[in-house]
Amino acid sequence: MIACIGEKLEEREAGKTEEVVYRQTKAIADKIKSWDNVVLAYEPVWAIGTGKTATPQQAQEVHEKLREWLSKNINPNVAQTLRIIYGGSVTAANAKDLAKEKDIDGFLVGGASLKPEFVQIVNARC
């Protein structure tokens, strides 16, 4: 299962990103019995199909905060082993920089998966 979370632009601008993604993650966590087959996708709503994307640093910060939340509220093992991927206008141009971030485990790719450049996104972690 891929569970998607993310904030709207007005929530980000109001400094509520953490509050929103923690609330969304808790709603998901309340329904999960085993995290073995779960992938969490941070997909900021403001970046879906807009051509805008979080900077690698912004995405990393949210992923890192999610791991901290998971460690405190679920357990440290889940926090370390859960794949947290980034979605939100992932392109060949930004995939390599996003892939360098410690807590970004991969991508949820939308429209770019239909383009020839998709192979560059697939190979971004190489």
N, C-alpha and C. Protein backbone atom coordinates (compact mmCIF):
# COMPACT_ATOMS: atom_id res chain seq x y z
N MET A 1 0.85 -1.17 0.00
CA MET A 1 0.00 0.00 0.00
C MET A 1 0.90 1.23 0.00
N ILE A 2 0.54 2.19 -0.84
CA ILE A 2 1.21 3.49 -0.82
C ILE A 2 0.22 4.48 -0.23
N ALA A 3 0.59 5.06 0.89
CA ALA A 3 -0.24 6.06 1.56
C ALA A 3 0.35 7.44 1.28
N CYS A 4 -0.46 8.32 0.70
CA CYS A 4 0.02 9.64 0.32
C CYS A 4 -0.41 10.70 1.33
N ILE A 5 0.52 11.57 1.65
CA ILE A 5 0.25 12.69 2.55
C ILE A 5 0.86 13.94 1.95
N GLY A 6 0.35 15.09 2.35
CA GLY A 6 0.93 16.34 1.87
C GLY A 6 0.03 17.52 2.16
N GLU A 7 0.64 18.68 2.17
CA GLU A 7 -0.06 19.91 2.53
C GLU A 7 -0.38 20.75 1.30
N LYS A 8 -1.38 21.63 1.47
CA LYS A 8 -1.72 22.61 0.44
C LYS A 8 -0.77 23.80 0.57
N LEU A 9 -0.72 24.62 -0.47
CA LEU A 9 0.19 25.76 -0.48
C LEU A 9 -0.08 26.71 0.69
N GLU A 10 -1.33 26.99 0.97
CA GLU A 10 -1.65 27.91 2.07
C GLU A 10 -1.22 27.33 3.42
N GLU A 11 -1.26 26.02 3.57
CA GLU A 11 -0.82 25.39 4.81
C GLU A 11 0.70 25.50 4.94
N ARG A 12 1.42 25.29 3.84
CA ARG A 12 2.89 25.45 3.86
C ARG A 12 3.25 26.88 4.21
N GLU A 13 2.61 27.83 3.54
CA GLU A 13 2.92 29.24 3.77
C GLU A 13 2.58 29.69 5.18
N ALA A 14 1.62 29.02 5.81
CA ALA A 14 1.24 29.33 7.19
C ALA A 14 2.11 28.60 8.21
N GLY A 15 3.11 27.84 7.73
CA GLY A 15 3.98 27.10 8.64
C GLY A 15 3.33 25.88 9.27
N LYS A 16 2.34 25.31 8.60
CA LYS A 16 1.59 24.19 9.17
C LYS A 16 1.93 22.84 8.53
N THR A 17 3.01 22.77 7.77
CA THR A 17 3.34 21.53 7.08
C THR A 17 3.43 20.35 8.05
N GLU A 18 4.21 20.49 9.11
CA GLU A 18 4.37 19.39 10.06
C GLU A 18 3.04 18.99 10.68
N GLU A 19 2.27 19.97 11.12
CA GLU A 19 0.97 19.69 11.73
C GLU A 19 0.09 18.88 10.78
N VAL A 20 0.06 19.28 9.52
CA VAL A 20 -0.80 18.60 8.52
C VAL A 20 -0.31 17.18 8.26
N VAL A 21 0.98 17.01 7.98
CA VAL A 21 1.45 15.66 7.64
C VAL A 21 1.44 14.74 8.86
N TYR A 22 1.63 15.26 10.06
CA TYR A 22 1.52 14.42 11.25
C TYR A 22 0.08 13.96 11.43
N ARG A 23 -0.88 14.86 11.25
CA ARG A 23 -2.29 14.50 11.39
C ARG A 23 -2.67 13.44 10.36
N GLN A 24 -2.22 13.62 9.13
CA GLN A 24 -2.52 12.66 8.08
C GLN A 24 -1.86 11.31 8.36
N THR A 25 -0.62 11.33 8.82
CA THR A 25 0.10 10.09 9.11
C THR A 25 -0.56 9.36 10.28
N LYS A 26 -1.02 10.10 11.28
CA LYS A 26 -1.71 9.47 12.41
C LYS A 26 -2.99 8.78 11.95
N ALA A 27 -3.73 9.42 11.06
CA ALA A 27 -4.97 8.82 10.54
C ALA A 27 -4.66 7.51 9.82
N ILE A 28 -3.57 7.48 9.11
CA ILE A 28 -3.15 6.24 8.43
C ILE A 28 -2.68 5.21 9.45
N ALA A 29 -1.84 5.65 10.38
CA ALA A 29 -1.28 4.75 11.39
C ALA A 29 -2.37 4.07 12.22
N ASP A 30 -3.46 4.79 12.48
CA ASP A 30 -4.55 4.22 13.26
C ASP A 30 -5.20 3.02 12.56
N LYS A 31 -4.98 2.87 11.27
CA LYS A 31 -5.59 1.78 10.50
C LYS A 31 -4.59 0.66 10.15
N ILE A 32 -3.30 0.88 10.42
CA ILE A 32 -2.25 -0.06 10.03
C ILE A 32 -1.97 -1.05 11.16
N LYS A 33 -2.02 -2.33 10.84
CA LYS A 33 -1.65 -3.36 11.82
C LYS A 33 -0.19 -3.76 11.63
N SER A 34 0.25 -3.84 10.39
CA SER A 34 1.64 -4.18 10.08
C SER A 34 2.16 -3.19 9.04
N TRP A 35 3.34 -2.66 9.29
CA TRP A 35 3.95 -1.68 8.40
C TRP A 35 4.82 -2.35 7.33
N ASP A 36 4.84 -3.67 7.29
CA ASP A 36 5.73 -4.40 6.39
C ASP A 36 5.51 -4.08 4.91
N ASN A 37 4.27 -3.86 4.51
CA ASN A 37 3.96 -3.64 3.10
C ASN A 37 3.43 -2.23 2.85
N VAL A 38 3.90 -1.28 3.63
CA VAL A 38 3.45 0.11 3.51
C VAL A 38 4.60 0.97 3.00
N VAL A 39 4.28 1.87 2.10
CA VAL A 39 5.20 2.91 1.65
C VAL A 39 4.47 4.23 1.90
N LEU A 40 5.16 5.18 2.48
CA LEU A 40 4.59 6.50 2.74
C LEU A 40 5.12 7.45 1.68
N ALA A 41 4.22 8.16 1.02
CA ALA A 41 4.62 9.11 -0.01
C ALA A 41 4.29 10.52 0.45
N TYR A 42 5.33 11.34 0.58
CA TYR A 42 5.11 12.75 0.85
C TYR A 42 4.94 13.43 -0.50
N GLU A 43 3.72 13.89 -0.74
CA GLU A 43 3.38 14.50 -2.02
C GLU A 43 2.66 15.82 -1.75
N PRO A 44 3.44 16.91 -1.64
CA PRO A 44 2.80 18.19 -1.34
C PRO A 44 1.76 18.52 -2.41
N VAL A 45 0.55 18.81 -1.97
CA VAL A 45 -0.55 19.08 -2.89
C VAL A 45 -0.20 20.23 -3.82
N TRP A 46 0.51 21.21 -3.29
CA TRP A 46 0.85 22.40 -4.09
C TRP A 46 1.81 22.09 -5.24
N ALA A 47 2.40 20.91 -5.24
CA ALA A 47 3.36 20.55 -6.29
C ALA A 47 2.80 19.57 -7.31
N ILE A 48 1.60 19.07 -7.11
CA ILE A 48 1.05 18.05 -8.00
C ILE A 48 0.60 18.70 -9.31
N GLY A 49 1.27 18.33 -10.37
CA GLY A 49 0.89 18.80 -11.70
C GLY A 49 1.09 20.28 -11.95
N THR A 50 1.78 20.96 -11.06
CA THR A 50 1.95 22.40 -11.21
C THR A 50 3.30 22.77 -11.81
N GLY A 51 4.20 21.80 -11.85
CA GLY A 51 5.56 22.11 -12.28
C GLY A 51 6.41 22.63 -11.13
N LYS A 52 5.77 22.92 -10.00
CA LYS A 52 6.50 23.34 -8.80
C LYS A 52 6.92 22.08 -8.06
N THR A 53 8.04 22.16 -7.40
CA THR A 53 8.47 21.04 -6.58
C THR A 53 9.14 21.59 -5.34
N ALA A 54 9.09 20.83 -4.28
CA ALA A 54 9.83 21.21 -3.08
C ALA A 54 11.32 21.15 -3.43
N THR A 55 12.08 22.02 -2.83
CA THR A 55 13.53 21.91 -3.01
C THR A 55 13.96 20.61 -2.35
N PRO A 56 15.11 20.09 -2.72
CA PRO A 56 15.59 18.88 -2.04
C PRO A 56 15.66 19.08 -0.52
N GLN A 57 16.04 20.27 -0.09
CA GLN A 57 16.15 20.54 1.34
C GLN A 57 14.77 20.55 2.01
N GLN A 58 13.77 21.15 1.35
CA GLN A 58 12.42 21.16 1.90
C GLN A 58 11.86 19.73 2.01
N ALA A 59 12.05 18.95 0.97
CA ALA A 59 11.56 17.58 0.97
C ALA A 59 12.27 16.76 2.04
N GLN A 60 13.59 16.90 2.13
CA GLN A 60 14.37 16.18 3.14
C GLN A 60 13.88 16.53 4.54
N GLU A 61 13.64 17.81 4.78
CA GLU A 61 13.19 18.24 6.10
C GLU A 61 11.89 17.55 6.50
N VAL A 62 10.94 17.48 5.57
CA VAL A 62 9.66 16.83 5.88
C VAL A 62 9.86 15.33 6.09
N HIS A 63 10.66 14.70 5.25
CA HIS A 63 10.92 13.26 5.40
C HIS A 63 11.59 12.97 6.75
N GLU A 64 12.56 13.79 7.13
CA GLU A 64 13.24 13.62 8.41
C GLU A 64 12.27 13.79 9.58
N LYS A 65 11.41 14.80 9.51
CA LYS A 65 10.43 15.03 10.57
C LYS A 65 9.44 13.87 10.65
N LEU A 66 9.08 13.30 9.50
CA LEU A 66 8.19 12.14 9.51
C LEU A 66 8.84 10.95 10.20
N ARG A 67 10.13 10.74 9.95
CA ARG A 67 10.83 9.64 10.64
C ARG A 67 10.86 9.86 12.15
N GLU A 68 11.08 11.11 12.56
CA GLU A 68 11.06 11.42 14.00
C GLU A 68 9.68 11.13 14.58
N TRP A 69 8.62 11.53 13.89
CA TRP A 69 7.26 11.29 14.36
C TRP A 69 7.00 9.79 14.47
N LEU A 70 7.38 9.06 13.43
CA LEU A 70 7.18 7.61 13.43
C LEU A 70 7.94 6.95 14.58
N SER A 71 9.15 7.41 14.84
CA SER A 71 9.95 6.85 15.93
C SER A 71 9.27 7.05 17.28
N LYS A 72 8.73 8.24 17.49
CA LYS A 72 8.08 8.57 18.77
C LYS A 72 6.70 7.94 18.91
N ASN A 73 5.96 7.85 17.81
CA ASN A 73 4.55 7.46 17.88
C ASN A 73 4.25 6.05 17.43
N ILE A 74 5.13 5.43 16.66
CA ILE A 74 4.94 4.05 16.22
C ILE A 74 6.03 3.20 16.87
N ASN A 75 7.22 3.22 16.30
CA ASN A 75 8.40 2.65 16.95
C ASN A 75 9.63 2.96 16.11
N PRO A 76 10.80 2.96 16.73
CA PRO A 76 12.04 3.33 16.03
C PRO A 76 12.36 2.42 14.83
N ASN A 77 12.02 1.14 14.91
CA ASN A 77 12.30 0.24 13.80
C ASN A 77 11.50 0.63 12.56
N VAL A 78 10.23 0.92 12.74
CA VAL A 78 9.39 1.36 11.62
C VAL A 78 9.97 2.65 11.04
N ALA A 79 10.36 3.57 11.91
CA ALA A 79 10.92 4.85 11.44
C ALA A 79 12.15 4.64 10.57
N GLN A 80 12.98 3.68 10.91
CA GLN A 80 14.21 3.43 10.16
C GLN A 80 13.97 2.64 8.87
N THR A 81 13.01 1.72 8.89
CA THR A 81 12.86 0.81 7.75
C THR A 81 11.76 1.21 6.76
N LEU A 82 10.83 2.04 7.17
CA LEU A 82 9.74 2.44 6.28
C LEU A 82 10.28 3.24 5.11
N ARG A 83 9.87 2.87 3.91
CA ARG A 83 10.25 3.64 2.72
C ARG A 83 9.37 4.88 2.66
N ILE A 84 9.99 6.04 2.66
CA ILE A 84 9.27 7.30 2.49
C ILE A 84 9.75 7.89 1.18
N ILE A 85 8.82 7.99 0.24
CA ILE A 85 9.17 8.46 -1.09
C ILE A 85 8.61 9.86 -1.32
N TYR A 86 9.16 10.55 -2.30
CA TYR A 86 8.71 11.90 -2.62
C TYR A 86 7.94 11.89 -3.93
N GLY A 87 6.81 12.55 -3.95
CA GLY A 87 6.03 12.76 -5.17
C GLY A 87 5.66 14.23 -5.24
N GLY A 88 5.62 14.77 -6.37
CA GLY A 88 5.28 16.19 -6.51
C GLY A 88 6.13 16.81 -7.59
N SER A 89 5.76 16.57 -8.81
CA SER A 89 6.49 17.10 -9.97
C SER A 89 7.94 16.64 -10.00
N VAL A 90 8.14 15.34 -9.84
CA VAL A 90 9.48 14.77 -9.98
C VAL A 90 9.80 14.72 -11.48
N THR A 91 10.98 15.22 -11.83
CA THR A 91 11.41 15.25 -13.22
C THR A 91 12.84 14.75 -13.32
N ALA A 92 13.30 14.55 -14.54
CA ALA A 92 14.70 14.17 -14.75
C ALA A 92 15.62 15.28 -14.23
N ALA A 93 15.16 16.52 -14.29
CA ALA A 93 15.98 17.65 -13.87
C ALA A 93 16.18 17.72 -12.36
N ASN A 94 15.21 17.26 -11.57
CA ASN A 94 15.35 17.39 -10.12
C ASN A 94 15.56 16.06 -9.39
N ALA A 95 15.40 14.95 -10.08
CA ALA A 95 15.45 13.64 -9.42
C ALA A 95 16.81 13.35 -8.79
N LYS A 96 17.91 13.67 -9.48
CA LYS A 96 19.24 13.37 -8.92
C LYS A 96 19.48 14.10 -7.61
N ASP A 97 19.10 15.39 -7.56
CA ASP A 97 19.30 16.16 -6.33
C ASP A 97 18.40 15.67 -5.20
N LEU A 98 17.16 15.34 -5.53
CA LEU A 98 16.26 14.79 -4.51
C LEU A 98 16.79 13.44 -4.00
N ALA A 99 17.32 12.63 -4.91
CA ALA A 99 17.80 11.29 -4.55
C ALA A 99 19.01 11.34 -3.61
N LYS A 100 19.73 12.44 -3.60
CA LYS A 100 20.92 12.56 -2.74
C LYS A 100 20.55 12.72 -1.27
N GLU A 101 19.31 13.11 -1.00
CA GLU A 101 18.91 13.37 0.38
C GLU A 101 18.76 12.07 1.17
N LYS A 102 19.21 12.11 2.39
CA LYS A 102 19.30 10.92 3.26
C LYS A 102 17.97 10.20 3.48
N ASP A 103 16.90 10.94 3.66
CA ASP A 103 15.64 10.33 4.06
C ASP A 103 14.65 10.15 2.91
N ILE A 104 15.06 10.47 1.69
CA ILE A 104 14.20 10.27 0.53
C ILE A 104 14.57 8.93 -0.10
N ASP A 105 13.62 7.99 -0.03
CA ASP A 105 13.89 6.61 -0.44
C ASP A 105 13.46 6.29 -1.86
N GLY A 106 12.97 7.25 -2.58
CA GLY A 106 12.52 7.01 -3.94
C GLY A 106 11.46 8.02 -4.32
N PHE A 107 10.76 7.74 -5.42
CA PHE A 107 9.83 8.72 -5.96
C PHE A 107 8.49 8.10 -6.32
N LEU A 108 7.46 8.91 -6.22
CA LEU A 108 6.15 8.60 -6.76
C LEU A 108 6.01 9.52 -7.98
N VAL A 109 6.14 8.94 -9.15
CA VAL A 109 6.23 9.72 -10.38
C VAL A 109 4.89 9.70 -11.10
N GLY A 110 4.45 10.89 -11.50
CA GLY A 110 3.19 11.00 -12.23
C GLY A 110 3.44 11.12 -13.72
N GLY A 111 3.14 12.30 -14.26
CA GLY A 111 3.21 12.52 -15.70
C GLY A 111 4.56 12.27 -16.32
N ALA A 112 5.62 12.47 -15.57
CA ALA A 112 6.97 12.25 -16.12
C ALA A 112 7.21 10.78 -16.46
N SER A 113 6.39 9.88 -15.90
CA SER A 113 6.56 8.45 -16.22
C SER A 113 6.15 8.14 -17.65
N LEU A 114 5.49 9.07 -18.31
CA LEU A 114 5.04 8.87 -19.69
C LEU A 114 6.01 9.46 -20.71
N LYS A 115 7.09 10.06 -20.23
CA LYS A 115 8.04 10.73 -21.11
C LYS A 115 9.33 9.92 -21.22
N PRO A 116 10.06 10.09 -22.32
CA PRO A 116 11.33 9.37 -22.49
C PRO A 116 12.33 9.63 -21.35
N GLU A 117 12.25 10.80 -20.72
CA GLU A 117 13.18 11.13 -19.64
C GLU A 117 12.96 10.29 -18.38
N PHE A 118 11.87 9.51 -18.36
CA PHE A 118 11.57 8.69 -17.18
C PHE A 118 12.75 7.80 -16.79
N VAL A 119 13.48 7.29 -17.76
CA VAL A 119 14.63 6.44 -17.47
C VAL A 119 15.66 7.18 -16.63
N GLN A 120 15.80 8.48 -16.80
CA GLN A 120 16.73 9.26 -15.99
C GLN A 120 16.26 9.34 -14.53
N ILE A 121 14.95 9.40 -14.33
CA ILE A 121 14.42 9.39 -12.97
C ILE A 121 14.68 8.05 -12.33
N VAL A 122 14.42 6.98 -13.06
CA VAL A 122 14.65 5.63 -12.56
C VAL A 122 16.11 5.45 -12.14
N ASN A 123 17.01 6.01 -12.90
CA ASN A 123 18.45 5.86 -12.64
C ASN A 123 19.01 6.93 -11.71
N ALA A 124 18.19 7.80 -11.17
CA ALA A 124 18.67 8.92 -10.35
C ALA A 124 19.42 8.47 -9.10
N ARG A 125 19.11 7.33 -8.57
CA ARG A 125 19.77 6.85 -7.34
C ARG A 125 21.04 6.08 -7.63
N CYS A 126 21.37 5.91 -8.90
CA CYS A 126 22.58 5.15 -9.28
C CYS A 126 23.83 5.99 -9.13
